[in-house]
N, C-alpha and C. Protein backbone atom coordinates (compact mmCIF):
# COMPACT_ATOMS: atom_id res chain seq x y z
N MET A 1 94.29 27.82 -119.51
CA MET A 1 93.28 27.36 -118.58
C MET A 1 93.50 25.88 -118.30
N GLN A 2 93.57 25.51 -117.04
CA GLN A 2 93.83 24.14 -116.63
C GLN A 2 92.51 23.38 -116.51
N LYS A 3 92.48 22.12 -117.01
CA LYS A 3 91.28 21.29 -116.90
C LYS A 3 91.15 20.81 -115.48
N PRO A 4 89.92 20.68 -114.95
CA PRO A 4 89.75 20.20 -113.57
C PRO A 4 90.17 18.75 -113.47
N ILE A 5 90.82 18.41 -112.36
CA ILE A 5 91.23 17.04 -112.10
C ILE A 5 90.07 16.32 -111.42
N MET A 6 89.81 15.11 -111.87
CA MET A 6 88.72 14.33 -111.31
C MET A 6 89.26 13.62 -110.07
N ALA A 7 88.70 13.87 -108.90
CA ALA A 7 89.20 13.30 -107.64
C ALA A 7 88.53 11.98 -107.31
N VAL A 8 89.25 11.04 -106.75
CA VAL A 8 88.74 9.71 -106.40
C VAL A 8 87.69 9.80 -105.31
N THR A 9 87.75 10.81 -104.47
CA THR A 9 86.85 10.90 -103.33
C THR A 9 85.41 11.12 -103.75
N GLY A 10 85.17 11.62 -104.94
CA GLY A 10 83.80 11.89 -105.38
C GLY A 10 83.31 13.21 -104.83
N ASP A 11 84.21 14.08 -104.35
CA ASP A 11 83.83 15.39 -103.83
C ASP A 11 83.27 16.25 -104.94
N GLU A 12 82.47 17.22 -104.56
CA GLU A 12 81.94 18.15 -105.54
C GLU A 12 83.03 19.11 -105.95
N THR A 13 82.98 19.54 -107.19
CA THR A 13 84.00 20.47 -107.66
C THR A 13 83.67 21.86 -107.16
N ALA A 14 84.70 22.67 -106.99
CA ALA A 14 84.50 24.04 -106.52
C ALA A 14 83.90 24.89 -107.64
N ALA A 15 84.22 24.54 -108.88
CA ALA A 15 83.77 25.35 -110.00
C ALA A 15 82.27 25.23 -110.22
N THR A 16 81.74 24.01 -110.24
CA THR A 16 80.32 23.84 -110.54
C THR A 16 79.50 23.59 -109.29
N GLY A 17 80.08 22.96 -108.30
CA GLY A 17 79.37 22.69 -107.06
C GLY A 17 78.40 21.53 -107.13
N ASP A 18 78.30 20.87 -108.30
CA ASP A 18 77.31 19.80 -108.39
C ASP A 18 77.83 18.53 -109.04
N MET A 19 78.93 18.57 -109.72
CA MET A 19 79.43 17.40 -110.42
C MET A 19 80.51 16.71 -109.59
N PRO A 20 80.33 15.45 -109.24
CA PRO A 20 81.40 14.75 -108.54
C PRO A 20 82.59 14.58 -109.49
N THR A 21 83.78 14.61 -108.95
CA THR A 21 84.97 14.47 -109.78
C THR A 21 85.76 13.27 -109.34
N TYR A 22 86.49 12.68 -110.28
CA TYR A 22 87.27 11.50 -110.01
C TYR A 22 88.65 11.66 -110.61
N GLN A 23 89.65 11.18 -109.95
CA GLN A 23 91.01 11.28 -110.43
C GLN A 23 91.47 9.91 -110.88
N ILE A 24 92.04 9.85 -112.05
CA ILE A 24 92.57 8.59 -112.56
C ILE A 24 94.02 8.51 -112.12
N ARG A 25 94.36 7.46 -111.42
CA ARG A 25 95.70 7.31 -110.89
C ARG A 25 96.41 6.14 -111.56
N ALA A 26 97.71 6.24 -111.64
CA ALA A 26 98.50 5.15 -112.17
C ALA A 26 98.51 4.02 -111.14
N PRO A 27 98.61 2.77 -111.58
CA PRO A 27 98.63 1.67 -110.63
C PRO A 27 99.81 1.82 -109.67
N THR A 28 99.57 1.51 -108.40
CA THR A 28 100.62 1.67 -107.39
C THR A 28 101.57 0.50 -107.39
N THR A 29 101.13 -0.66 -107.89
CA THR A 29 102.02 -1.82 -107.91
C THR A 29 102.24 -2.25 -109.35
N ALA A 30 103.40 -2.76 -109.62
CA ALA A 30 103.72 -3.26 -110.95
C ALA A 30 103.20 -4.69 -111.07
N LEU A 31 103.27 -5.22 -112.27
CA LEU A 31 102.87 -6.61 -112.47
C LEU A 31 103.79 -7.52 -111.68
N PRO A 32 103.26 -8.64 -111.18
CA PRO A 32 104.12 -9.57 -110.44
C PRO A 32 105.27 -10.04 -111.32
N GLN A 33 106.35 -10.41 -110.69
CA GLN A 33 107.53 -10.83 -111.43
C GLN A 33 107.19 -12.04 -112.29
N GLY A 34 107.61 -12.02 -113.53
CA GLY A 34 107.36 -13.12 -114.44
C GLY A 34 106.10 -12.94 -115.27
N VAL A 35 105.24 -11.96 -114.91
CA VAL A 35 104.02 -11.71 -115.67
C VAL A 35 104.31 -10.60 -116.65
N VAL A 36 104.00 -10.84 -117.91
CA VAL A 36 104.24 -9.82 -118.93
C VAL A 36 102.93 -9.53 -119.65
N MET A 37 102.84 -8.35 -120.21
CA MET A 37 101.66 -7.97 -120.98
C MET A 37 101.76 -8.61 -122.36
N ALA A 38 100.66 -9.14 -122.85
CA ALA A 38 100.65 -9.75 -124.17
C ALA A 38 100.56 -8.65 -125.22
N ALA A 39 101.09 -8.92 -126.38
CA ALA A 39 101.02 -7.97 -127.47
C ALA A 39 99.60 -7.92 -127.99
N SER A 40 99.23 -6.84 -128.63
CA SER A 40 97.88 -6.72 -129.17
C SER A 40 97.70 -7.73 -130.30
N PRO A 41 96.47 -8.26 -130.47
CA PRO A 41 96.24 -9.27 -131.50
C PRO A 41 96.56 -8.77 -132.90
N GLY A 42 96.41 -7.49 -133.15
CA GLY A 42 96.66 -6.94 -134.48
C GLY A 42 98.10 -7.05 -134.90
N SER A 43 99.01 -7.08 -133.97
CA SER A 43 100.42 -7.12 -134.34
C SER A 43 100.89 -8.53 -134.65
N LEU A 44 100.10 -9.55 -134.32
CA LEU A 44 100.52 -10.93 -134.50
C LEU A 44 99.86 -11.62 -135.69
N HIS A 45 98.84 -11.02 -136.30
CA HIS A 45 98.08 -11.72 -137.33
C HIS A 45 98.06 -10.92 -138.63
N SER A 46 97.91 -11.65 -139.70
CA SER A 46 97.78 -11.01 -141.01
C SER A 46 96.34 -10.53 -141.17
N PRO A 47 96.08 -9.68 -142.15
CA PRO A 47 94.70 -9.22 -142.39
C PRO A 47 93.74 -10.37 -142.64
N GLN A 48 94.21 -11.40 -143.34
CA GLN A 48 93.33 -12.57 -143.60
C GLN A 48 92.99 -13.28 -142.29
N GLN A 49 93.98 -13.43 -141.42
CA GLN A 49 93.74 -14.08 -140.13
C GLN A 49 92.78 -13.25 -139.29
N LEU A 50 92.92 -11.93 -139.35
CA LEU A 50 92.00 -11.06 -138.61
C LEU A 50 90.58 -11.19 -139.14
N ALA A 51 90.44 -11.28 -140.46
CA ALA A 51 89.11 -11.43 -141.06
C ALA A 51 88.50 -12.77 -140.66
N GLU A 52 89.31 -13.82 -140.67
CA GLU A 52 88.82 -15.14 -140.27
C GLU A 52 88.42 -15.14 -138.80
N GLU A 53 89.23 -14.48 -137.98
CA GLU A 53 88.92 -14.38 -136.55
C GLU A 53 87.62 -13.62 -136.33
N ALA A 54 87.44 -12.53 -137.07
CA ALA A 54 86.21 -11.75 -136.96
C ALA A 54 85.00 -12.58 -137.39
N THR A 55 85.17 -13.35 -138.47
CA THR A 55 84.09 -14.22 -138.95
C THR A 55 83.77 -15.29 -137.91
N ARG A 56 84.82 -15.88 -137.33
CA ARG A 56 84.62 -16.91 -136.31
C ARG A 56 83.90 -16.33 -135.09
N LYS A 57 84.31 -15.15 -134.67
CA LYS A 57 83.67 -14.50 -133.52
C LYS A 57 82.21 -14.18 -133.82
N ARG A 58 81.95 -13.72 -135.05
CA ARG A 58 80.57 -13.39 -135.45
C ARG A 58 79.71 -14.64 -135.43
N GLU A 59 80.23 -15.74 -136.01
CA GLU A 59 79.48 -16.99 -136.02
C GLU A 59 79.22 -17.49 -134.60
N LEU A 60 80.21 -17.38 -133.75
CA LEU A 60 80.05 -17.79 -132.35
C LEU A 60 78.98 -16.94 -131.67
N ARG A 61 79.05 -15.63 -131.91
CA ARG A 61 78.06 -14.72 -131.32
C ARG A 61 76.66 -15.04 -131.82
N LEU A 62 76.54 -15.28 -133.13
CA LEU A 62 75.23 -15.61 -133.69
C LEU A 62 74.70 -16.93 -133.13
N MET A 63 75.59 -17.92 -132.96
CA MET A 63 75.17 -19.20 -132.41
C MET A 63 74.69 -19.03 -130.96
N LYS A 64 75.44 -18.27 -130.17
CA LYS A 64 75.03 -18.03 -128.79
C LYS A 64 73.71 -17.28 -128.75
N ASN A 65 73.55 -16.34 -129.66
CA ASN A 65 72.30 -15.58 -129.70
C ASN A 65 71.13 -16.47 -130.07
N ARG A 66 71.33 -17.38 -131.03
CA ARG A 66 70.26 -18.32 -131.39
C ARG A 66 69.86 -19.18 -130.20
N GLU A 67 70.86 -19.68 -129.49
CA GLU A 67 70.58 -20.51 -128.31
C GLU A 67 69.85 -19.71 -127.23
N ALA A 68 70.28 -18.48 -127.02
CA ALA A 68 69.63 -17.64 -126.02
C ALA A 68 68.18 -17.34 -126.43
N ALA A 69 67.96 -17.07 -127.72
CA ALA A 69 66.61 -16.80 -128.21
C ALA A 69 65.73 -18.04 -128.06
N LYS A 70 66.31 -19.21 -128.37
CA LYS A 70 65.57 -20.47 -128.24
C LYS A 70 65.15 -20.69 -126.79
N GLU A 71 66.09 -20.47 -125.86
CA GLU A 71 65.79 -20.63 -124.43
C GLU A 71 64.74 -19.61 -123.98
N CYS A 72 64.84 -18.40 -124.49
CA CYS A 72 63.87 -17.36 -124.14
C CYS A 72 62.47 -17.76 -124.61
N ARG A 73 62.37 -18.28 -125.84
CA ARG A 73 61.06 -18.72 -126.35
C ARG A 73 60.51 -19.88 -125.53
N ARG A 74 61.40 -20.80 -125.11
CA ARG A 74 60.96 -21.93 -124.28
C ARG A 74 60.41 -21.45 -122.94
N ARG A 75 61.13 -20.52 -122.31
CA ARG A 75 60.68 -19.99 -121.02
C ARG A 75 59.37 -19.23 -121.18
N LYS A 76 59.22 -18.51 -122.30
CA LYS A 76 57.98 -17.76 -122.53
C LYS A 76 56.80 -18.73 -122.70
N LYS A 77 57.01 -19.82 -123.44
CA LYS A 77 55.95 -20.82 -123.61
C LYS A 77 55.54 -21.41 -122.27
N GLU A 78 56.54 -21.73 -121.46
CA GLU A 78 56.28 -22.29 -120.13
C GLU A 78 55.49 -21.29 -119.28
N TYR A 79 55.88 -20.03 -119.35
CA TYR A 79 55.20 -18.98 -118.59
C TYR A 79 53.75 -18.84 -119.04
N VAL A 80 53.52 -18.84 -120.36
CA VAL A 80 52.17 -18.70 -120.90
C VAL A 80 51.31 -19.90 -120.50
N LYS A 81 51.88 -21.12 -120.55
CA LYS A 81 51.13 -22.30 -120.12
C LYS A 81 50.74 -22.19 -118.65
N CYS A 82 51.67 -21.70 -117.84
CA CYS A 82 51.39 -21.52 -116.42
C CYS A 82 50.25 -20.52 -116.23
N LEU A 83 50.30 -19.42 -116.98
CA LEU A 83 49.22 -18.42 -116.88
C LEU A 83 47.88 -18.99 -117.34
N GLU A 84 47.89 -19.75 -118.44
CA GLU A 84 46.66 -20.35 -118.94
C GLU A 84 46.07 -21.31 -117.91
N SER A 85 46.94 -22.09 -117.29
CA SER A 85 46.49 -23.01 -116.25
C SER A 85 45.88 -22.24 -115.08
N ARG A 86 46.53 -21.18 -114.69
CA ARG A 86 46.01 -20.37 -113.58
C ARG A 86 44.66 -19.75 -113.93
N VAL A 87 44.52 -19.29 -115.18
CA VAL A 87 43.24 -18.73 -115.62
C VAL A 87 42.15 -19.78 -115.52
N ALA A 88 42.44 -21.01 -115.95
CA ALA A 88 41.44 -22.08 -115.90
C ALA A 88 41.02 -22.34 -114.45
N VAL A 89 41.99 -22.42 -113.55
CA VAL A 89 41.68 -22.67 -112.13
C VAL A 89 40.84 -21.52 -111.58
N LEU A 90 41.22 -20.30 -111.88
CA LEU A 90 40.48 -19.15 -111.36
C LEU A 90 39.07 -19.06 -111.95
N GLU A 91 38.90 -19.46 -113.21
CA GLU A 91 37.56 -19.45 -113.80
C GLU A 91 36.66 -20.46 -113.09
N VAL A 92 37.19 -21.64 -112.81
CA VAL A 92 36.41 -22.65 -112.07
C VAL A 92 36.07 -22.14 -110.68
N GLN A 93 37.05 -21.56 -110.01
CA GLN A 93 36.82 -21.02 -108.67
C GLN A 93 35.78 -19.90 -108.71
N ASN A 94 35.86 -19.04 -109.71
CA ASN A 94 34.90 -17.95 -109.85
C ASN A 94 33.49 -18.49 -110.07
N LYS A 95 33.38 -19.51 -110.91
CA LYS A 95 32.07 -20.12 -111.18
C LYS A 95 31.47 -20.70 -109.90
N LYS A 96 32.29 -21.40 -109.11
CA LYS A 96 31.82 -21.98 -107.85
C LYS A 96 31.38 -20.88 -106.88
N LEU A 97 32.14 -19.81 -106.81
CA LEU A 97 31.79 -18.71 -105.90
C LEU A 97 30.49 -18.02 -106.33
N ILE A 98 30.28 -17.88 -107.62
CA ILE A 98 29.03 -17.29 -108.12
C ILE A 98 27.85 -18.19 -107.75
N GLU A 99 28.03 -19.50 -107.93
CA GLU A 99 26.97 -20.44 -107.56
C GLU A 99 26.69 -20.39 -106.06
N GLU A 100 27.74 -20.32 -105.27
CA GLU A 100 27.58 -20.24 -103.81
C GLU A 100 26.87 -18.95 -103.42
N LEU A 101 27.22 -17.87 -104.09
CA LEU A 101 26.56 -16.59 -103.81
C LEU A 101 25.08 -16.66 -104.13
N GLU A 102 24.74 -17.24 -105.26
CA GLU A 102 23.33 -17.39 -105.63
C GLU A 102 22.58 -18.26 -104.61
N THR A 103 23.21 -19.33 -104.16
CA THR A 103 22.59 -20.21 -103.15
C THR A 103 22.35 -19.44 -101.86
N LEU A 104 23.34 -18.67 -101.41
CA LEU A 104 23.20 -17.89 -100.19
C LEU A 104 22.13 -16.82 -100.34
N LYS A 105 22.05 -16.22 -101.50
CA LYS A 105 21.00 -15.21 -101.74
C LYS A 105 19.62 -15.85 -101.64
N ASP A 106 19.49 -17.05 -102.21
CA ASP A 106 18.21 -17.74 -102.14
C ASP A 106 17.83 -18.08 -100.70
N ILE A 107 18.82 -18.49 -99.92
CA ILE A 107 18.55 -18.87 -98.53
C ILE A 107 18.18 -17.64 -97.69
N CYS A 108 18.88 -16.57 -97.89
CA CYS A 108 18.72 -15.39 -97.04
C CYS A 108 17.60 -14.45 -97.48
N SER A 109 17.24 -14.48 -98.71
CA SER A 109 16.20 -13.55 -99.18
C SER A 109 14.82 -14.00 -98.68
N PRO A 110 13.99 -13.02 -98.28
CA PRO A 110 12.65 -13.38 -97.82
C PRO A 110 11.81 -13.89 -98.98
N LYS A 111 11.11 -14.95 -98.74
CA LYS A 111 10.28 -15.53 -99.79
C LYS A 111 8.89 -14.93 -99.72
N THR A 112 8.46 -14.47 -100.87
CA THR A 112 7.08 -13.93 -100.97
C THR A 112 6.30 -14.83 -101.87
N ASP A 113 5.27 -15.43 -101.29
CA ASP A 113 4.41 -16.33 -102.09
C ASP A 113 3.03 -15.81 -102.14
């Protein structure tokens, strides 16, 4: 039984009728002259060098993560301050509108003495 080929066009397969298929093709052009593929890092380093590289990468990742978390906390504080400020403004505005409403009610309501 032959496996279905995934076509680049994204056409539906005849077998299922619902799954788009894609075909993986080999590159049509070779690397430019003078450009060579580098060897994998594992073939050039000893196990100790690989461990040190992994440790260095982990430390770098942790440092970047700390900086990103610090920036995230700073932005969150700024956002919360902005919201608190907006709440204060809206509370004052609400209080003024309630007072205005009461004044208008007093003016418009018939007085019975």
